[in-house]
């Protein structure tokens, strides 16, 4: 599973070995036990990658479930759009966590790209 954390000033992408369903269930249980609000909805998340990366074609081929879309933005960047689940404290929050599940190879490739700091928040 991929977890994308959106804060006021940053964006972090990480690969987790747990299943999406288990992670979301744990998050809901934690919210209930701590008496905190939780908002969950099907959504999309996006970030930018340089268009000259050699791994982009490989990433598109790994997208077997049509959860990932790569769209040209301009001469220098492409936008990677993921389908998944948005979790926040309320419906209007721009700070929260986006989770999705792709082919493990695609998740590891995206994590590798994130670790090289070659992406931008979109």
PDB file of N, CA and C in Angstrom:
ATOM      1  N   UNK A   1       0.843  -1.168   0.000  1.00  0.00           N
ATOM      2  CA  UNK A   1       0.000   0.000   0.000  1.00  0.00           C
ATOM      3  C   UNK A   1       0.888   1.230   0.000  1.00  0.00           C
ATOM      4  N   UNK A   2       0.406   2.297  -0.629  1.00  0.00           N
ATOM      5  CA  UNK A   2       1.090   3.585  -0.609  1.00  0.00           C
ATOM      6  C   UNK A   2       0.340   4.535   0.307  1.00  0.00           C
ATOM      7  N   UNK A   3       1.100   5.283   1.097  1.00  0.00           N
ATOM      8  CA  UNK A   3       0.532   6.296   1.980  1.00  0.00           C
ATOM      9  C   UNK A   3       1.160   7.631   1.609  1.00  0.00           C
ATOM     10  N   UNK A   4       0.323   8.577   1.244  1.00  0.00           N
ATOM     11  CA  UNK A   4       0.769   9.917   0.912  1.00  0.00           C
ATOM     12  C   UNK A   4       0.258  10.851   2.007  1.00  0.00           C
ATOM     13  N   UNK A   5       1.162  11.493   2.689  1.00  0.00           N
ATOM     14  CA  UNK A   5       0.798  12.387   3.786  1.00  0.00           C
ATOM     15  C   UNK A   5       0.922  13.826   3.297  1.00  0.00           C
ATOM     16  N   UNK A   6      -0.184  14.552   3.381  1.00  0.00           N
ATOM     17  CA  UNK A   6      -0.224  15.956   2.978  1.00  0.00           C
ATOM     18  C   UNK A   6      -0.319  16.816   4.229  1.00  0.00           C
ATOM     19  N   UNK A   7       0.674  17.686   4.434  1.00  0.00           N
ATOM     20  CA  UNK A   7       0.644  18.635   5.541  1.00  0.00           C
ATOM     21  C   UNK A   7       0.519  20.035   4.948  1.00  0.00           C
ATOM     22  N   UNK A   8       0.537  21.032   5.790  1.00  0.00           N
ATOM     23  CA  UNK A   8       0.406  22.403   5.297  1.00  0.00           C
ATOM     24  C   UNK A   8       1.531  22.794   4.346  1.00  0.00           C
ATOM     25  N   UNK A   9       2.741  22.296   4.614  1.00  0.00           N
ATOM     26  CA  UNK A   9       3.901  22.735   3.836  1.00  0.00           C
ATOM     27  C   UNK A   9       4.654  21.616   3.130  1.00  0.00           C
ATOM     28  N   UNK A  10       4.183  20.387   3.237  1.00  0.00           N
ATOM     29  CA  UNK A  10       4.965  19.315   2.638  1.00  0.00           C
ATOM     30  C   UNK A  10       4.093  18.139   2.197  1.00  0.00           C
ATOM     31  N   UNK A  11       4.756  17.212   1.594  1.00  0.00           N
ATOM     32  CA  UNK A  11       4.122  16.022   1.028  1.00  0.00           C
ATOM     33  C   UNK A  11       5.124  14.883   1.196  1.00  0.00           C
ATOM     34  N   UNK A  12       4.642  13.746   1.660  1.00  0.00           N
ATOM     35  CA  UNK A  12       5.520  12.601   1.871  1.00  0.00           C
ATOM     36  C   UNK A  12       4.840  11.350   1.316  1.00  0.00           C
ATOM     37  N   UNK A  13       5.569  10.553   0.556  1.00  0.00           N
ATOM     38  CA  UNK A  13       5.049   9.312   0.004  1.00  0.00           C
ATOM     39  C   UNK A  13       5.860   8.167   0.586  1.00  0.00           C
ATOM     40  N   UNK A  14       5.155   7.134   1.073  1.00  0.00           N
ATOM     41  CA  UNK A  14       5.868   5.965   1.592  1.00  0.00           C
ATOM     42  C   UNK A  14       5.106   4.689   1.290  1.00  0.00           C
ATOM     43  N   UNK A  15       5.843   3.626   1.117  1.00  0.00           N
ATOM     44  CA  UNK A  15       5.279   2.297   0.882  1.00  0.00           C
ATOM     45  C   UNK A  15       5.181   1.585   2.226  1.00  0.00           C
ATOM     46  N   UNK A  16       4.009   0.998   2.513  1.00  0.00           N
ATOM     47  CA  UNK A  16       3.812   0.237   3.743  1.00  0.00           C
ATOM     48  C   UNK A  16       3.484  -1.205   3.381  1.00  0.00           C
ATOM     49  N   UNK A  17       3.941  -2.142   4.185  1.00  0.00           N
ATOM     50  CA  UNK A  17       3.727  -3.562   3.916  1.00  0.00           C
ATOM     51  C   UNK A  17       2.365  -4.072   4.390  1.00  0.00           C
ATOM     52  N   UNK A  18       1.580  -3.256   5.021  1.00  0.00           N
ATOM     53  CA  UNK A  18       0.264  -3.674   5.496  1.00  0.00           C
ATOM     54  C   UNK A  18      -0.773  -3.538   4.382  1.00  0.00           C
ATOM     55  N   UNK A  19      -1.892  -4.208   4.517  1.00  0.00           N
ATOM     56  CA  UNK A  19      -2.944  -4.076   3.513  1.00  0.00           C
ATOM     57  C   UNK A  19      -3.705  -2.773   3.735  1.00  0.00           C
ATOM     58  N   UNK A  20      -4.265  -2.264   2.663  1.00  0.00           N
ATOM     59  CA  UNK A  20      -5.035  -1.029   2.718  1.00  0.00           C
ATOM     60  C   UNK A  20      -6.196  -1.150   3.695  1.00  0.00           C
ATOM     61  N   UNK A  21      -6.930  -2.246   3.630  1.00  0.00           N
ATOM     62  CA  UNK A  21      -8.096  -2.449   4.492  1.00  0.00           C
ATOM     63  C   UNK A  21      -7.705  -2.480   5.965  1.00  0.00           C
ATOM     64  N   UNK A  22      -6.641  -3.197   6.295  1.00  0.00           N
ATOM     65  CA  UNK A  22      -6.192  -3.261   7.692  1.00  0.00           C
ATOM     66  C   UNK A  22      -5.750  -1.897   8.195  1.00  0.00           C
ATOM     67  N   UNK A  23      -5.029  -1.152   7.366  1.00  0.00           N
ATOM     68  CA  UNK A  23      -4.539   0.157   7.786  1.00  0.00           C
ATOM     69  C   UNK A  23      -5.707   1.108   8.048  1.00  0.00           C
ATOM     70  N   UNK A  24      -6.686   1.138   7.131  1.00  0.00           N
ATOM     71  CA  UNK A  24      -7.845   2.024   7.309  1.00  0.00           C
ATOM     72  C   UNK A  24      -8.632   1.609   8.543  1.00  0.00           C
ATOM     73  N   UNK A  25      -8.835   0.308   8.740  1.00  0.00           N
ATOM     74  CA  UNK A  25      -9.547  -0.174   9.936  1.00  0.00           C
ATOM     75  C   UNK A  25      -8.836   0.246  11.218  1.00  0.00           C
ATOM     76  N   UNK A  26      -7.522   0.160  11.244  1.00  0.00           N
ATOM     77  CA  UNK A  26      -6.757   0.585  12.422  1.00  0.00           C
ATOM     78  C   UNK A  26      -6.914   2.083  12.652  1.00  0.00           C
ATOM     79  N   UNK A  27      -6.921   2.850  11.572  1.00  0.00           N
ATOM     80  CA  UNK A  27      -7.063   4.302  11.681  1.00  0.00           C
ATOM     81  C   UNK A  27      -8.437   4.673  12.247  1.00  0.00           C
ATOM     82  N   UNK A  28      -9.489   3.989  11.787  1.00  0.00           N
ATOM     83  CA  UNK A  28     -10.845   4.238  12.287  1.00  0.00           C
ATOM     84  C   UNK A  28     -10.933   3.863  13.762  1.00  0.00           C
ATOM     85  N   UNK A  29     -10.395   2.715  14.122  1.00  0.00           N
ATOM     86  CA  UNK A  29     -10.406   2.275  15.521  1.00  0.00           C
ATOM     87  C   UNK A  29      -9.660   3.264  16.409  1.00  0.00           C
ATOM     88  N   UNK A  30      -8.503   3.732  15.961  1.00  0.00           N
ATOM     89  CA  UNK A  30      -7.734   4.723  16.721  1.00  0.00           C
ATOM     90  C   UNK A  30      -8.548   5.999  16.910  1.00  0.00           C
ATOM     91  N   UNK A  31      -9.212   6.437  15.863  1.00  0.00           N
ATOM     92  CA  UNK A  31     -10.039   7.643  15.948  1.00  0.00           C
ATOM     93  C   UNK A  31     -11.173   7.471  16.952  1.00  0.00           C
ATOM     94  N   UNK A  32     -11.820   6.325  16.926  1.00  0.00           N
ATOM     95  CA  UNK A  32     -12.915   6.065  17.867  1.00  0.00           C
ATOM     96  C   UNK A  32     -12.422   6.035  19.310  1.00  0.00           C
ATOM     97  N   UNK A  33     -11.298   5.366  19.545  1.00  0.00           N
ATOM     98  CA  UNK A  33     -10.761   5.258  20.904  1.00  0.00           C
ATOM     99  C   UNK A  33     -10.218   6.578  21.432  1.00  0.00           C
ATOM    100  N   UNK A  34      -9.759   7.440  20.531  1.00  0.00           N
ATOM    101  CA  UNK A  34      -9.201   8.719  20.981  1.00  0.00           C
ATOM    102  C   UNK A  34     -10.215   9.863  20.906  1.00  0.00           C
ATOM    103  N   UNK A  35     -11.436   9.539  20.505  1.00  0.00           N
ATOM    104  CA  UNK A  35     -12.529  10.513  20.406  1.00  0.00           C
ATOM    105  C   UNK A  35     -12.188  11.667  19.465  1.00  0.00           C
ATOM    106  N   UNK A  36     -11.488  11.353  18.381  1.00  0.00           N
ATOM    107  CA  UNK A  36     -11.165  12.344  17.353  1.00  0.00           C
ATOM    108  C   UNK A  36     -12.052  12.135  16.141  1.00  0.00           C
ATOM    109  N   UNK A  37     -12.375  13.227  15.454  1.00  0.00           N
ATOM    110  CA  UNK A  37     -13.157  13.128  14.223  1.00  0.00           C
ATOM    111  C   UNK A  37     -12.337  12.456  13.137  1.00  0.00           C
ATOM    112  N   UNK A  38     -13.047  11.773  12.231  1.00  0.00           N
ATOM    113  CA  UNK A  38     -12.393  11.194  11.066  1.00  0.00           C
ATOM    114  C   UNK A  38     -13.338  11.328   9.886  1.00  0.00           C
ATOM    115  N   UNK A  39     -12.765  11.695   8.751  1.00  0.00           N
ATOM    116  CA  UNK A  39     -13.531  11.834   7.519  1.00  0.00           C
ATOM    117  C   UNK A  39     -12.843  10.958   6.475  1.00  0.00           C
ATOM    118  N   UNK A  40     -13.604  10.100   5.810  1.00  0.00           N
ATOM    119  CA  UNK A  40     -13.047   9.174   4.822  1.00  0.00           C
ATOM    120  C   UNK A  40     -13.881   9.257   3.551  1.00  0.00           C
ATOM    121  N   UNK A  41     -13.201   9.383   2.407  1.00  0.00           N
ATOM    122  CA  UNK A  41     -13.916   9.384   1.130  1.00  0.00           C
ATOM    123  C   UNK A  41     -13.024   8.842   0.019  1.00  0.00           C
ATOM    124  N   UNK A  42     -13.663   8.278  -1.002  1.00  0.00           N
ATOM    125  CA  UNK A  42     -12.941   7.901  -2.212  1.00  0.00           C
ATOM    126  C   UNK A  42     -12.495   9.187  -2.876  1.00  0.00           C
ATOM    127  N   UNK A  43     -11.260   9.202  -3.362  1.00  0.00           N
ATOM    128  CA  UNK A  43     -10.725  10.452  -3.874  1.00  0.00           C
ATOM    129  C   UNK A  43      -9.578  10.184  -4.837  1.00  0.00           C
ATOM    130  N   UNK A  44      -8.896  11.253  -5.224  1.00  0.00           N
ATOM    131  CA  UNK A  44      -7.696  11.183  -6.040  1.00  0.00           C
ATOM    132  C   UNK A  44      -6.626  12.058  -5.415  1.00  0.00           C
ATOM    133  N   UNK A  45      -5.385  11.691  -5.642  1.00  0.00           N
ATOM    134  CA  UNK A  45      -4.250  12.500  -5.208  1.00  0.00           C
ATOM    135  C   UNK A  45      -3.324  12.657  -6.402  1.00  0.00           C
ATOM    136  N   UNK A  46      -2.572  13.739  -6.427  1.00  0.00           N
ATOM    137  CA  UNK A  46      -1.689  13.988  -7.558  1.00  0.00           C
ATOM    138  C   UNK A  46      -0.379  14.604  -7.096  1.00  0.00           C
ATOM    139  N   UNK A  47       0.658  14.350  -7.866  1.00  0.00           N
ATOM    140  CA  UNK A  47       1.952  14.986  -7.664  1.00  0.00           C
ATOM    141  C   UNK A  47       2.659  15.035  -9.010  1.00  0.00           C
ATOM    142  N   UNK A  48       3.675  15.868  -9.108  1.00  0.00           N
ATOM    143  CA  UNK A  48       4.401  16.064 -10.359  1.00  0.00           C
ATOM    144  C   UNK A  48       5.712  15.307 -10.367  1.00  0.00           C
ATOM    145  N   UNK A  49       6.085  14.830 -11.551  1.00  0.00           N
ATOM    146  CA  UNK A  49       7.389  14.211 -11.776  1.00  0.00           C
ATOM    147  C   UNK A  49       8.005  14.841 -13.022  1.00  0.00           C
ATOM    148  N   UNK A  50       9.319  14.920 -13.065  1.00  0.00           N
ATOM    149  CA  UNK A  50       9.950  15.403 -14.306  1.00  0.00           C
ATOM    150  C   UNK A  50       9.613  14.455 -15.458  1.00  0.00           C
ATOM    151  N   UNK A  51       9.352  14.991 -16.625  1.00  0.00           N
ATOM    152  CA  UNK A  51       8.932  14.146 -17.747  1.00  0.00           C
ATOM    153  C   UNK A  51      10.084  13.395 -18.388  1.00  0.00           C
ATOM    154  N   UNK A  52      11.311  13.699 -18.013  1.00  0.00           N
ATOM    155  CA  UNK A  52      12.451  13.014 -18.629  1.00  0.00           C
ATOM    156  C   UNK A  52      12.920  11.782 -17.837  1.00  0.00           C
ATOM    157  N   UNK A  53      12.142  11.343 -16.859  1.00  0.00           N
ATOM    158  CA  UNK A  53      12.519  10.142 -16.100  1.00  0.00           C
ATOM    159  C   UNK A  53      12.350   8.896 -16.964  1.00  0.00           C
ATOM    160  N   UNK A  54      13.336   8.032 -16.941  1.00  0.00           N
ATOM    161  CA  UNK A  54      13.269   6.810 -17.744  1.00  0.00           C
ATOM    162  C   UNK A  54      12.250   5.819 -17.185  1.00  0.00           C
ATOM    163  N   UNK A  55      11.880   5.950 -15.920  1.00  0.00           N
ATOM    164  CA  UNK A  55      10.981   4.998 -15.260  1.00  0.00           C
ATOM    165  C   UNK A  55       9.501   5.248 -15.553  1.00  0.00           C
ATOM    166  N   UNK A  56       9.147   6.338 -16.195  1.00  0.00           N
ATOM    167  CA  UNK A  56       7.734   6.659 -16.409  1.00  0.00           C
ATOM    168  C   UNK A  56       7.026   5.612 -17.259  1.00  0.00           C
ATOM    169  N   UNK A  57       7.658   5.168 -18.302  1.00  0.00           N
ATOM    170  CA  UNK A  57       7.052   4.146 -19.162  1.00  0.00           C
ATOM    171  C   UNK A  57       6.874   2.846 -18.384  1.00  0.00           C
ATOM    172  N   UNK A  58       7.865   2.496 -17.594  1.00  0.00           N
ATOM    173  CA  UNK A  58       7.777   1.297 -16.749  1.00  0.00           C
ATOM    174  C   UNK A  58       6.629   1.425 -15.750  1.00  0.00           C
ATOM    175  N   UNK A  59       6.470   2.601 -15.178  1.00  0.00           N
ATOM    176  CA  UNK A  59       5.396   2.846 -14.211  1.00  0.00           C
ATOM    177  C   UNK A  59       4.022   2.665 -14.860  1.00  0.00           C
ATOM    178  N   UNK A  60       3.856   3.182 -16.057  1.00  0.00           N
ATOM    179  CA  UNK A  60       2.581   3.021 -16.763  1.00  0.00           C
ATOM    180  C   UNK A  60       2.267   1.549 -17.037  1.00  0.00           C
ATOM    181  N   UNK A  61       3.273   0.771 -17.379  1.00  0.00           N
ATOM    182  CA  UNK A  61       3.081  -0.657 -17.656  1.00  0.00           C
ATOM    183  C   UNK A  61       2.686  -1.433 -16.407  1.00  0.00           C
ATOM    184  N   UNK A  62       3.118  -0.980 -15.238  1.00  0.00           N
ATOM    185  CA  UNK A  62       2.813  -1.660 -13.979  1.00  0.00           C
ATOM    186  C   UNK A  62       1.408  -1.362 -13.474  1.00  0.00           C
ATOM    187  N   UNK A  63       0.722  -0.429 -14.083  1.00  0.00           N
ATOM    188  CA  UNK A  63      -0.606  -0.010 -13.652  1.00  0.00           C
ATOM    189  C   UNK A  63      -1.679  -0.946 -14.206  1.00  0.00           C
ATOM    190  N   UNK A  64      -1.800  -2.115 -13.631  1.00  0.00           N
ATOM    191  CA  UNK A  64      -2.737  -3.119 -14.122  1.00  0.00           C
ATOM    192  C   UNK A  64      -4.175  -2.850 -13.679  1.00  0.00           C
ATOM    193  N   UNK A  65      -4.374  -2.167 -12.596  1.00  0.00           N
ATOM    194  CA  UNK A  65      -5.723  -1.950 -12.057  1.00  0.00           C
ATOM    195  C   UNK A  65      -6.302  -0.587 -12.448  1.00  0.00           C
ATOM    196  N   UNK A  66      -5.611   0.155 -13.312  1.00  0.00           N
ATOM    197  CA  UNK A  66      -6.054   1.486 -13.740  1.00  0.00           C
ATOM    198  C   UNK A  66      -6.292   2.434 -12.578  1.00  0.00           C
ATOM    199  N   UNK A  67      -5.429   2.348 -11.580  1.00  0.00           N
ATOM    200  CA  UNK A  67      -5.500   3.222 -10.404  1.00  0.00           C
ATOM    201  C   UNK A  67      -4.600   4.434 -10.595  1.00  0.00           C
ATOM    202  N   UNK A  68      -3.648   4.319 -11.494  1.00  0.00           N
ATOM    203  CA  UNK A  68      -2.659   5.359 -11.719  1.00  0.00           C
ATOM    204  C   UNK A  68      -2.805   5.911 -13.129  1.00  0.00           C
ATOM    205  N   UNK A  69      -2.705   7.235 -13.247  1.00  0.00           N
ATOM    206  CA  UNK A  69      -2.755   7.875 -14.557  1.00  0.00           C
ATOM    207  C   UNK A  69      -1.608   8.865 -14.637  1.00  0.00           C
ATOM    208  N   UNK A  70      -0.938   8.891 -15.767  1.00  0.00           N
ATOM    209  CA  UNK A  70       0.149   9.837 -15.990  1.00  0.00           C
ATOM    210  C   UNK A  70      -0.282  10.794 -17.087  1.00  0.00           C
ATOM    211  N   UNK A  71      -0.356  12.086 -16.735  1.00  0.00           N
ATOM    212  CA  UNK A  71      -0.855  13.109 -17.658  1.00  0.00           C
ATOM    213  C   UNK A  71       0.233  14.157 -17.905  1.00  0.00           C
ATOM    214  N   UNK A  72       0.466  14.511 -19.161  1.00  0.00           N
ATOM    215  CA  UNK A  72       1.438  15.583 -19.438  1.00  0.00           C
ATOM    216  C   UNK A  72       0.949  16.915 -18.874  1.00  0.00           C
ATOM    217  N   UNK A  73       1.863  17.676 -18.293  1.00  0.00           N
ATOM    218  CA  UNK A  73       1.525  19.006 -17.747  1.00  0.00           C
ATOM    219  C   UNK A  73       2.100  20.105 -18.625  1.00  0.00           C
ATOM    220  N   UNK A  74       3.403  20.054 -18.802  1.00  0.00           N
ATOM    221  CA  UNK A  74       4.096  21.043 -19.611  1.00  0.00           C
ATOM    222  C   UNK A  74       5.359  20.389 -20.163  1.00  0.00           C
ATOM    223  N   UNK A  75       6.271  21.174 -20.655  1.00  0.00           N
ATOM    224  CA  UNK A  75       7.486  20.625 -21.269  1.00  0.00           C
ATOM    225  C   UNK A  75       8.394  19.920 -20.262  1.00  0.00           C
ATOM    226  N   UNK A  76       8.240  20.234 -18.972  1.00  0.00           N
ATOM    227  CA  UNK A  76       9.164  19.703 -17.974  1.00  0.00           C
ATOM    228  C   UNK A  76       8.583  18.655 -17.038  1.00  0.00           C
ATOM    229  N   UNK A  77       7.242  18.558 -16.953  1.00  0.00           N
ATOM    230  CA  UNK A  77       6.661  17.704 -15.916  1.00  0.00           C
ATOM    231  C   UNK A  77       5.434  16.943 -16.404  1.00  0.00           C
ATOM    232  N   UNK A  78       5.196  15.828 -15.714  1.00  0.00           N
ATOM    233  CA  UNK A  78       3.961  15.065 -15.884  1.00  0.00           C
ATOM    234  C   UNK A  78       3.293  14.986 -14.514  1.00  0.00           C
ATOM    235  N   UNK A  79       1.979  14.865 -14.536  1.00  0.00           N
ATOM    236  CA  UNK A  79       1.232  14.725 -13.292  1.00  0.00           C
ATOM    237  C   UNK A  79       0.859  13.258 -13.112  1.00  0.00           C
ATOM    238  N   UNK A  80       1.185  12.714 -11.951  1.00  0.00           N
ATOM    239  CA  UNK A  80       0.794  11.355 -11.602  1.00  0.00           C
ATOM    240  C   UNK A  80      -0.459  11.465 -10.745  1.00  0.00           C
ATOM    241  N   UNK A  81      -1.551  10.846 -11.204  1.00  0.00           N
ATOM    242  CA  UNK A  81      -2.827  10.890 -10.503  1.00  0.00           C
ATOM    243  C   UNK A  81      -3.140   9.484 -10.013  1.00  0.00           C
ATOM    244  N   UNK A  82      -3.423   9.366  -8.719  1.00  0.00           N
ATOM    245  CA  UNK A  82      -3.744   8.082  -8.101  1.00  0.00           C
ATOM    246  C   UNK A  82      -5.177   8.088  -7.589  1.00  0.00           C
ATOM    247  N   UNK A  83      -5.874   6.980  -7.724  1.00  0.00           N
ATOM    248  CA  UNK A  83      -7.200   6.807  -7.147  1.00  0.00           C
ATOM    249  C   UNK A  83      -7.041   6.065  -5.831  1.00  0.00           C
ATOM    250  N   UNK A  84      -7.793   6.482  -4.820  1.00  0.00           N
ATOM    251  CA  UNK A  84      -7.689   5.830  -3.526  1.00  0.00           C
ATOM    252  C   UNK A  84      -8.634   6.417  -2.505  1.00  0.00           C
ATOM    253  N   UNK A  85      -8.165   6.505  -1.273  1.00  0.00           N
ATOM    254  CA  UNK A  85      -8.987   6.932  -0.141  1.00  0.00           C
ATOM    255  C   UNK A  85      -8.323   8.096   0.582  1.00  0.00           C
ATOM    256  N   UNK A  86      -9.077   9.163   0.808  1.00  0.00           N
ATOM    257  CA  UNK A  86      -8.620  10.347   1.537  1.00  0.00           C
ATOM    258  C   UNK A  86      -9.132  10.247   2.971  1.00  0.00           C
ATOM    259  N   UNK A  87      -8.244  10.465   3.932  1.00  0.00           N
ATOM    260  CA  UNK A  87      -8.592  10.422   5.355  1.00  0.00           C
ATOM    261  C   UNK A  87      -8.120  11.719   6.002  1.00  0.00           C
ATOM    262  N   UNK A  88      -9.051  12.404   6.643  1.00  0.00           N
ATOM    263  CA  UNK A  88      -8.730  13.679   7.296  1.00  0.00           C
ATOM    264  C   UNK A  88      -9.610  13.836   8.518  1.00  0.00           C
ATOM    265  N   UNK A  89      -9.412  14.930   9.234  1.00  0.00           N
ATOM    266  CA  UNK A  89     -10.205  15.170  10.440  1.00  0.00           C
ATOM    267  C   UNK A  89     -11.583  15.732  10.122  1.00  0.00           C
ATOM    268  N   UNK A  90     -11.722  16.361   8.936  1.00  0.00           N
ATOM    269  CA  UNK A  90     -13.030  16.861   8.513  1.00  0.00           C
ATOM    270  C   UNK A  90     -13.068  16.980   6.999  1.00  0.00           C
ATOM    271  N   UNK A  91     -14.247  17.194   6.463  1.00  0.00           N
ATOM    272  CA  UNK A  91     -14.455  17.208   5.022  1.00  0.00           C
ATOM    273  C   UNK A  91     -13.695  18.330   4.315  1.00  0.00           C
ATOM    274  N   UNK A  92     -13.506  19.445   4.954  1.00  0.00           N
ATOM    275  CA  UNK A  92     -12.873  20.611   4.326  1.00  0.00           C
ATOM    276  C   UNK A  92     -11.354  20.639   4.480  1.00  0.00           C
ATOM    277  N   UNK A  93     -10.778  19.704   5.204  1.00  0.00           N
ATOM    278  CA  UNK A  93      -9.345  19.730   5.503  1.00  0.00           C
ATOM    279  C   UNK A  93      -8.481  19.478   4.268  1.00  0.00           C
ATOM    280  N   UNK A  94      -7.444  20.270   4.121  1.00  0.00           N
ATOM    281  CA  UNK A  94      -6.448  20.066   3.077  1.00  0.00           C
ATOM    282  C   UNK A  94      -5.239  19.315   3.625  1.00  0.00           C
ATOM    283  N   UNK A  95      -5.256  19.017   4.905  1.00  0.00           N
ATOM    284  CA  UNK A  95      -4.213  18.258   5.572  1.00  0.00           C
ATOM    285  C   UNK A  95      -4.785  16.884   5.880  1.00  0.00           C
ATOM    286  N   UNK A  96      -4.070  15.845   5.476  1.00  0.00           N
ATOM    287  CA  UNK A  96      -4.574  14.506   5.728  1.00  0.00           C
ATOM    288  C   UNK A  96      -3.697  13.449   5.096  1.00  0.00           C
ATOM    289  N   UNK A  97      -4.266  12.263   4.992  1.00  0.00           N
ATOM    290  CA  UNK A  97      -3.531  11.116   4.466  1.00  0.00           C
ATOM    291  C   UNK A  97      -4.331  10.499   3.332  1.00  0.00           C
ATOM    292  N   UNK A  98      -3.638  10.214   2.244  1.00  0.00           N
ATOM    293  CA  UNK A  98      -4.233   9.536   1.099  1.00  0.00           C
ATOM    294  C   UNK A  98      -3.588   8.154   1.010  1.00  0.00           C
ATOM    295  N   UNK A  99      -4.403   7.126   0.879  1.00  0.00           N
ATOM    296  CA  UNK A  99      -3.871   5.766   0.773  1.00  0.00           C
ATOM    297  C   UNK A  99      -4.429   5.091  -0.470  1.00  0.00           C
ATOM    298  N   UNK A 100      -3.615   4.244  -1.067  1.00  0.00           N
ATOM    299  CA  UNK A 100      -4.024   3.502  -2.249  1.00  0.00           C
ATOM    300  C   UNK A 100      -3.219   2.213  -2.329  1.00  0.00           C
ATOM    301  N   UNK A 101      -3.697   1.309  -3.140  1.00  0.00           N
ATOM    302  CA  UNK A 101      -3.018   0.034  -3.310  1.00  0.00           C
ATOM    303  C   UNK A 101      -2.807  -0.225  -4.794  1.00  0.00           C
ATOM    304  N   UNK A 102      -1.548  -0.367  -5.182  1.00  0.00           N
ATOM    305  CA  UNK A 102      -1.158  -0.658  -6.556  1.00  0.00           C
ATOM    306  C   UNK A 102      -0.412  -1.987  -6.579  1.00  0.00           C
ATOM    307  N   UNK A 103      -0.012  -2.378  -7.752  1.00  0.00           N
ATOM    308  CA  UNK A 103       0.912  -3.501  -7.876  1.00  0.00           C
ATOM    309  C   UNK A 103       2.155  -3.165  -7.050  1.00  0.00           C
ATOM    310  N   UNK A 104       2.675  -4.141  -6.320  1.00  0.00           N
ATOM    311  CA  UNK A 104       3.806  -3.872  -5.420  1.00  0.00           C
ATOM    312  C   UNK A 104       4.998  -3.258  -6.159  1.00  0.00           C
ATOM    313  N   UNK A 105       5.242  -3.707  -7.384  1.00  0.00           N
ATOM    314  CA  UNK A 105       6.355  -3.147  -8.164  1.00  0.00           C
ATOM    315  C   UNK A 105       6.141  -1.657  -8.434  1.00  0.00           C
ATOM    316  N   UNK A 106       4.903  -1.274  -8.743  1.00  0.00           N
ATOM    317  CA  UNK A 106       4.589   0.134  -8.984  1.00  0.00           C
ATOM    318  C   UNK A 106       4.757   0.944  -7.701  1.00  0.00           C
ATOM    319  N   UNK A 107       4.308   0.386  -6.582  1.00  0.00           N
ATOM    320  CA  UNK A 107       4.457   1.086  -5.297  1.00  0.00           C
ATOM    321  C   UNK A 107       5.925   1.307  -4.961  1.00  0.00           C
ATOM    322  N   UNK A 108       6.745   0.293  -5.142  1.00  0.00           N
ATOM    323  CA  UNK A 108       8.170   0.411  -4.831  1.00  0.00           C
ATOM    324  C   UNK A 108       8.856   1.399  -5.767  1.00  0.00           C
ATOM    325  N   UNK A 109       8.455   1.423  -7.030  1.00  0.00           N
ATOM    326  CA  UNK A 109       9.025   2.382  -7.975  1.00  0.00           C
ATOM    327  C   UNK A 109       8.649   3.805  -7.584  1.00  0.00           C
ATOM    328  N   UNK A 110       7.395   4.043  -7.220  1.00  0.00           N
ATOM    329  CA  UNK A 110       6.986   5.374  -6.783  1.00  0.00           C
ATOM    330  C   UNK A 110       7.716   5.787  -5.510  1.00  0.00           C
ATOM    331  N   UNK A 111       7.892   4.847  -4.591  1.00  0.00           N
ATOM    332  CA  UNK A 111       8.632   5.163  -3.365  1.00  0.00           C
ATOM    333  C   UNK A 111      10.076   5.533  -3.694  1.00  0.00           C
ATOM    334  N   UNK A 112      10.676   4.807  -4.610  1.00  0.00           N
ATOM    335  CA  UNK A 112      12.056   5.100  -5.021  1.00  0.00           C
ATOM    336  C   UNK A 112      12.149   6.506  -5.603  1.00  0.00           C
ATOM    337  N   UNK A 113      11.187   6.867  -6.453  1.00  0.00           N
ATOM    338  CA  UNK A 113      11.180   8.212  -7.022  1.00  0.00           C
ATOM    339  C   UNK A 113      11.005   9.271  -5.941  1.00  0.00           C
ATOM    340  N   UNK A 114      10.153   8.983  -4.960  1.00  0.00           N
ATOM    341  CA  UNK A 114       9.931   9.926  -3.861  1.00  0.00           C
ATOM    342  C   UNK A 114      11.191  10.115  -3.020  1.00  0.00           C
ATOM    343  N   UNK A 115      11.926   9.042  -2.813  1.00  0.00           N
ATOM    344  CA  UNK A 115      13.143   9.127  -2.005  1.00  0.00           C
ATOM    345  C   UNK A 115      14.242   9.923  -2.698  1.00  0.00           C
ATOM    346  N   UNK A 116      14.201   9.993  -4.004  1.00  0.00           N
ATOM    347  CA  UNK A 116      15.210  10.759  -4.742  1.00  0.00           C
ATOM    348  C   UNK A 116      14.843  12.233  -4.823  1.00  0.00           C
ATOM    349  N   UNK A 117      13.703  12.593  -4.219  1.00  0.00           N
ATOM    350  CA  UNK A 117      13.242  13.996  -4.176  1.00  0.00           C
ATOM    351  C   UNK A 117      13.034  14.561  -5.583  1.00  0.00           C
ATOM    352  N   UNK A 118      12.579  13.714  -6.506  1.00  0.00           N
ATOM    353  CA  UNK A 118      12.360  14.168  -7.873  1.00  0.00           C
ATOM    354  C   UNK A 118      10.900  14.540  -8.132  1.00  0.00           C
ATOM    355  N   UNK A 119      10.085  14.640  -7.122  1.00  0.00           N
ATOM    356  CA  UNK A 119       8.689  14.970  -7.337  1.00  0.00           C
ATOM    357  C   UNK A 119       8.337  16.272  -6.624  1.00  0.00           C
ATOM    358  N   UNK A 120       7.211  16.815  -6.995  1.00  0.00           N
ATOM    359  CA  UNK A 120       6.714  18.061  -6.400  1.00  0.00           C
ATOM    360  C   UNK A 120       5.256  17.875  -6.034  1.00  0.00           C
ATOM    361  N   UNK A 121       4.807  18.547  -5.024  1.00  0.00           N
ATOM    362  CA  UNK A 121       3.397  18.537  -4.638  1.00  0.00           C
ATOM    363  C   UNK A 121       2.595  19.256  -5.707  1.00  0.00           C
ATOM    364  N   UNK A 122       1.499  18.658  -6.152  1.00  0.00           N
ATOM    365  CA  UNK A 122       0.677  19.281  -7.186  1.00  0.00           C
ATOM    366  C   UNK A 122      -0.652  19.750  -6.619  1.00  0.00           C
TER     367      UNK A 122
END
